[in-house]
Amino acid sequence: MSRSNHCIQLLQLTAIKLSVATTCVWGQSIVQLTQESFPAGIVDSVSEVTSGTPVTTLEAPELSNSYRFYEWQLNGIRQEDHLGVSLNPFTFNILEPKTVTA
């Protein structure tokens, strides 16, 4: 009887970025959110919200091809719960341009 080993190479998903641009429409600051991944196509979204409102990141897939989600970071700080478990997705208030990376 022949035995076959099936392996999946698990690599850390190195970059899911959320970038923010602000414009003013009718006296309100509008914030553009761009969420993207590297490699491209795992996370891909552009939306606009009013500045000062809470926004929630997309839920990054735990596993996509050979890439595994590791963490979201906001301003270089890991987003985690009170037990230290990485949040996916997570919610934050936008007051100024931000970059979120997973």
N, C-alpha and C. Protein backbone atom coordinates (compact mmCIF):
# COMPACT_ATOMS: atom_id res chain seq x y z
N MET A 1 0.85 -1.17 0.00
CA MET A 1 0.00 0.00 0.00
C MET A 1 0.90 1.24 0.00
N SER A 2 0.63 2.13 -0.89
CA SER A 2 1.41 3.35 -1.03
C SER A 2 0.79 4.46 -0.19
N ARG A 3 1.64 5.18 0.51
CA ARG A 3 1.16 6.32 1.32
C ARG A 3 1.58 7.61 0.66
N SER A 4 0.65 8.54 0.56
CA SER A 4 0.94 9.83 -0.06
C SER A 4 0.82 10.92 0.99
N ASN A 5 1.80 11.80 1.03
CA ASN A 5 1.74 12.94 1.95
C ASN A 5 1.20 14.16 1.22
N HIS A 6 0.16 14.75 1.75
CA HIS A 6 -0.42 15.97 1.18
C HIS A 6 -0.14 17.10 2.14
N CYS A 7 0.57 18.11 1.66
CA CYS A 7 0.95 19.24 2.51
C CYS A 7 0.45 20.54 1.91
N ILE A 8 0.10 21.47 2.76
CA ILE A 8 -0.23 22.83 2.36
C ILE A 8 0.82 23.73 2.98
N GLN A 9 1.47 24.51 2.14
CA GLN A 9 2.46 25.46 2.66
C GLN A 9 1.70 26.66 3.21
N LEU A 10 1.89 26.94 4.49
CA LEU A 10 1.20 28.05 5.13
C LEU A 10 2.17 29.22 5.26
N LEU A 11 1.84 30.30 4.60
CA LEU A 11 2.65 31.51 4.66
C LEU A 11 1.84 32.60 5.32
N GLN A 12 2.49 33.45 6.07
CA GLN A 12 1.80 34.58 6.69
C GLN A 12 1.34 35.54 5.61
N LEU A 13 0.08 35.95 5.66
CA LEU A 13 -0.43 36.97 4.76
C LEU A 13 0.28 38.26 5.12
N THR A 14 1.13 38.75 4.23
CA THR A 14 2.05 39.81 4.61
C THR A 14 1.49 41.20 4.51
N ALA A 15 0.47 41.43 3.72
CA ALA A 15 0.02 42.81 3.62
C ALA A 15 -1.44 42.89 3.18
N ILE A 16 -2.29 43.26 4.09
CA ILE A 16 -3.62 43.71 3.74
C ILE A 16 -3.66 45.14 4.25
N LYS A 17 -3.84 46.08 3.36
CA LYS A 17 -3.75 47.47 3.74
C LYS A 17 -5.09 48.17 3.61
N LEU A 18 -5.34 49.06 4.52
CA LEU A 18 -6.52 49.91 4.49
C LEU A 18 -5.99 51.33 4.47
N SER A 19 -6.16 52.02 3.35
CA SER A 19 -5.68 53.39 3.27
C SER A 19 -6.88 54.33 3.22
N VAL A 20 -6.68 55.53 3.71
CA VAL A 20 -7.77 56.47 3.88
C VAL A 20 -7.41 57.81 3.27
N ALA A 21 -8.33 58.37 2.48
CA ALA A 21 -8.17 59.71 1.93
C ALA A 21 -9.41 60.51 2.32
N THR A 22 -9.25 61.79 2.62
CA THR A 22 -10.36 62.61 3.08
C THR A 22 -10.66 63.72 2.08
N THR A 23 -11.95 63.92 1.77
CA THR A 23 -12.42 65.05 0.97
C THR A 23 -13.59 65.68 1.70
N CYS A 24 -13.99 66.85 1.26
CA CYS A 24 -15.10 67.54 1.91
C CYS A 24 -16.25 67.70 0.91
N VAL A 25 -17.44 67.21 1.29
CA VAL A 25 -18.63 67.31 0.45
C VAL A 25 -19.76 67.87 1.29
N TRP A 26 -20.31 69.01 0.86
CA TRP A 26 -21.43 69.66 1.56
C TRP A 26 -21.12 69.85 3.04
N GLY A 27 -19.90 70.25 3.36
CA GLY A 27 -19.52 70.55 4.74
C GLY A 27 -19.17 69.34 5.58
N GLN A 28 -19.24 68.14 5.02
CA GLN A 28 -18.88 66.93 5.76
C GLN A 28 -17.60 66.34 5.19
N SER A 29 -16.74 65.86 6.07
CA SER A 29 -15.52 65.18 5.61
C SER A 29 -15.88 63.76 5.22
N ILE A 30 -15.56 63.41 4.00
CA ILE A 30 -15.79 62.06 3.49
C ILE A 30 -14.45 61.34 3.47
N VAL A 31 -14.42 60.15 4.01
CA VAL A 31 -13.20 59.37 4.12
C VAL A 31 -13.29 58.18 3.18
N GLN A 32 -12.30 58.06 2.31
CA GLN A 32 -12.26 56.91 1.39
C GLN A 32 -11.42 55.81 2.01
N LEU A 33 -11.98 54.61 2.07
CA LEU A 33 -11.30 53.44 2.62
C LEU A 33 -10.92 52.52 1.47
N THR A 34 -9.67 52.18 1.37
CA THR A 34 -9.23 51.21 0.37
C THR A 34 -8.58 50.05 1.11
N GLN A 35 -9.18 48.87 0.99
CA GLN A 35 -8.63 47.67 1.62
C GLN A 35 -8.12 46.77 0.49
N GLU A 36 -6.85 46.42 0.57
CA GLU A 36 -6.27 45.57 -0.46
C GLU A 36 -5.28 44.60 0.16
N SER A 37 -4.94 43.59 -0.58
CA SER A 37 -4.01 42.59 -0.06
C SER A 37 -2.83 42.41 -0.99
N PHE A 38 -1.79 41.86 -0.43
CA PHE A 38 -0.66 41.41 -1.23
C PHE A 38 -0.39 39.97 -0.80
N PRO A 39 -0.58 39.04 -1.68
CA PRO A 39 -0.85 39.23 -3.10
C PRO A 39 -2.26 39.78 -3.35
N ALA A 40 -2.40 40.45 -4.47
CA ALA A 40 -3.66 41.11 -4.83
C ALA A 40 -4.79 40.08 -4.95
N GLY A 41 -5.99 40.56 -4.64
CA GLY A 41 -7.19 39.76 -4.86
C GLY A 41 -7.73 39.04 -3.65
N ILE A 42 -6.97 38.93 -2.56
CA ILE A 42 -7.50 38.26 -1.37
C ILE A 42 -8.49 39.19 -0.67
N VAL A 43 -8.12 40.44 -0.50
CA VAL A 43 -9.00 41.48 0.03
C VAL A 43 -8.94 42.65 -0.95
N ASP A 44 -10.11 43.14 -1.39
CA ASP A 44 -10.15 44.21 -2.38
C ASP A 44 -11.47 44.98 -2.23
N SER A 45 -11.41 46.19 -1.67
CA SER A 45 -12.62 46.96 -1.44
C SER A 45 -12.30 48.45 -1.36
N VAL A 46 -13.17 49.28 -1.94
CA VAL A 46 -13.09 50.73 -1.82
C VAL A 46 -14.47 51.23 -1.39
N SER A 47 -14.51 52.05 -0.34
CA SER A 47 -15.78 52.62 0.13
C SER A 47 -15.55 54.02 0.67
N GLU A 48 -16.63 54.77 0.84
CA GLU A 48 -16.56 56.12 1.40
C GLU A 48 -17.51 56.22 2.57
N VAL A 49 -17.03 56.83 3.67
CA VAL A 49 -17.85 57.04 4.87
C VAL A 49 -17.60 58.44 5.40
N THR A 50 -18.47 58.92 6.25
CA THR A 50 -18.31 60.23 6.87
C THR A 50 -17.28 60.13 7.99
N SER A 51 -16.35 61.08 8.01
CA SER A 51 -15.32 61.11 9.05
C SER A 51 -15.96 61.14 10.42
N GLY A 52 -15.36 60.42 11.38
CA GLY A 52 -15.87 60.38 12.74
C GLY A 52 -16.81 59.22 12.99
N THR A 53 -17.10 58.43 11.96
CA THR A 53 -17.98 57.29 12.14
C THR A 53 -17.17 56.01 12.31
N PRO A 54 -17.74 55.03 13.01
CA PRO A 54 -17.03 53.76 13.14
C PRO A 54 -17.07 52.98 11.83
N VAL A 55 -15.97 52.35 11.48
CA VAL A 55 -15.89 51.48 10.31
C VAL A 55 -15.33 50.13 10.74
N THR A 56 -15.71 49.11 10.01
CA THR A 56 -15.24 47.76 10.29
C THR A 56 -14.49 47.25 9.07
N THR A 57 -13.31 46.67 9.31
CA THR A 57 -12.55 46.08 8.23
C THR A 57 -13.31 44.89 7.65
N LEU A 58 -12.93 44.50 6.45
CA LEU A 58 -13.43 43.26 5.89
C LEU A 58 -12.93 42.11 6.76
N GLU A 59 -13.61 41.00 6.72
CA GLU A 59 -13.10 39.82 7.40
C GLU A 59 -12.13 39.13 6.46
N ALA A 60 -10.85 39.18 6.78
CA ALA A 60 -9.84 38.53 5.95
C ALA A 60 -10.01 37.02 6.07
N PRO A 61 -9.89 36.30 4.94
CA PRO A 61 -10.02 34.84 5.04
C PRO A 61 -8.88 34.26 5.88
N GLU A 62 -9.21 33.29 6.71
CA GLU A 62 -8.19 32.65 7.55
C GLU A 62 -7.12 31.98 6.69
N LEU A 63 -7.53 31.41 5.55
CA LEU A 63 -6.60 30.73 4.65
C LEU A 63 -7.04 31.01 3.23
N SER A 64 -6.12 31.46 2.40
CA SER A 64 -6.40 31.71 0.99
C SER A 64 -5.21 31.20 0.19
N ASN A 65 -5.44 30.15 -0.60
CA ASN A 65 -4.35 29.47 -1.30
C ASN A 65 -3.30 29.06 -0.27
N SER A 66 -2.10 29.58 -0.34
CA SER A 66 -1.07 29.20 0.63
C SER A 66 -0.78 30.32 1.63
N TYR A 67 -1.72 31.25 1.78
CA TYR A 67 -1.53 32.38 2.69
C TYR A 67 -2.50 32.28 3.86
N ARG A 68 -1.99 32.48 5.07
CA ARG A 68 -2.81 32.43 6.28
C ARG A 68 -2.85 33.82 6.91
N PHE A 69 -4.06 34.25 7.30
CA PHE A 69 -4.22 35.53 7.99
C PHE A 69 -3.51 35.46 9.33
N TYR A 70 -2.80 36.57 9.67
CA TYR A 70 -2.09 36.61 10.95
C TYR A 70 -2.66 37.66 11.89
N GLU A 71 -2.73 38.93 11.46
CA GLU A 71 -3.25 39.99 12.33
C GLU A 71 -3.56 41.24 11.54
N TRP A 72 -4.43 42.07 12.10
CA TRP A 72 -4.63 43.43 11.63
C TRP A 72 -3.79 44.34 12.51
N GLN A 73 -3.21 45.38 11.92
CA GLN A 73 -2.50 46.41 12.68
C GLN A 73 -3.06 47.77 12.30
N LEU A 74 -3.23 48.63 13.30
CA LEU A 74 -3.62 50.01 13.10
C LEU A 74 -2.52 50.87 13.70
N ASN A 75 -1.90 51.72 12.89
CA ASN A 75 -0.76 52.54 13.33
C ASN A 75 0.34 51.68 13.95
N GLY A 76 0.55 50.49 13.38
CA GLY A 76 1.60 49.60 13.85
C GLY A 76 1.26 48.82 15.11
N ILE A 77 0.02 48.93 15.59
CA ILE A 77 -0.39 48.25 16.82
C ILE A 77 -1.34 47.11 16.48
N ARG A 78 -1.00 45.91 16.96
CA ARG A 78 -1.83 44.72 16.74
C ARG A 78 -3.22 44.93 17.33
N GLN A 79 -4.24 44.59 16.58
CA GLN A 79 -5.62 44.70 17.05
C GLN A 79 -6.05 43.35 17.61
N GLU A 80 -6.22 43.29 18.93
CA GLU A 80 -6.52 42.03 19.60
C GLU A 80 -7.55 42.22 20.70
N ASP A 81 -8.15 41.10 21.11
CA ASP A 81 -9.12 41.16 22.20
C ASP A 81 -8.39 41.12 23.55
N HIS A 82 -9.16 41.09 24.65
CA HIS A 82 -8.57 41.13 25.99
C HIS A 82 -7.75 39.87 26.31
N LEU A 83 -7.88 38.80 25.51
CA LEU A 83 -7.10 37.58 25.72
C LEU A 83 -5.87 37.52 24.81
N GLY A 84 -5.69 38.57 23.99
CA GLY A 84 -4.54 38.60 23.09
C GLY A 84 -4.77 37.93 21.75
N VAL A 85 -6.03 37.58 21.47
CA VAL A 85 -6.36 36.93 20.19
C VAL A 85 -6.60 38.02 19.14
N SER A 86 -6.01 37.85 17.98
CA SER A 86 -6.13 38.81 16.89
C SER A 86 -7.59 38.97 16.47
N LEU A 87 -8.02 40.23 16.28
CA LEU A 87 -9.38 40.52 15.84
C LEU A 87 -9.46 40.46 14.32
N ASN A 88 -10.50 39.83 13.81
CA ASN A 88 -10.72 39.74 12.37
C ASN A 88 -12.20 39.51 12.12
N PRO A 89 -12.92 40.56 11.75
CA PRO A 89 -12.51 41.93 11.49
C PRO A 89 -12.39 42.73 12.79
N PHE A 90 -12.08 44.04 12.66
CA PHE A 90 -12.12 44.91 13.82
C PHE A 90 -12.71 46.27 13.42
N THR A 91 -13.23 46.99 14.40
CA THR A 91 -13.92 48.26 14.18
C THR A 91 -13.14 49.38 14.83
N PHE A 92 -13.07 50.53 14.15
CA PHE A 92 -12.40 51.71 14.69
C PHE A 92 -13.06 52.96 14.13
N ASN A 93 -12.87 54.09 14.82
CA ASN A 93 -13.40 55.38 14.36
C ASN A 93 -12.37 56.07 13.48
N ILE A 94 -12.83 56.59 12.36
CA ILE A 94 -11.95 57.34 11.46
C ILE A 94 -12.12 58.81 11.74
N LEU A 95 -11.05 59.45 12.16
CA LEU A 95 -11.05 60.89 12.37
C LEU A 95 -10.07 61.58 11.42
N GLU A 96 -9.08 60.83 10.96
CA GLU A 96 -8.05 61.32 10.06
C GLU A 96 -7.54 60.14 9.24
N PRO A 97 -6.77 60.39 8.21
CA PRO A 97 -6.25 59.28 7.41
C PRO A 97 -5.49 58.27 8.24
N LYS A 98 -5.72 56.98 7.97
CA LYS A 98 -5.10 55.86 8.68
C LYS A 98 -4.68 54.79 7.69
N THR A 99 -3.75 53.96 8.10
CA THR A 99 -3.39 52.77 7.36
C THR A 99 -3.52 51.57 8.28
N VAL A 100 -4.25 50.56 7.82
CA VAL A 100 -4.42 49.32 8.59
C VAL A 100 -3.80 48.21 7.77
N THR A 101 -2.98 47.39 8.40
CA THR A 101 -2.26 46.34 7.70
C THR A 101 -2.47 45.00 8.41
N ALA A 102 -2.65 43.95 7.61
CA ALA A 102 -2.74 42.59 8.17
C ALA A 102 -1.57 41.78 7.68
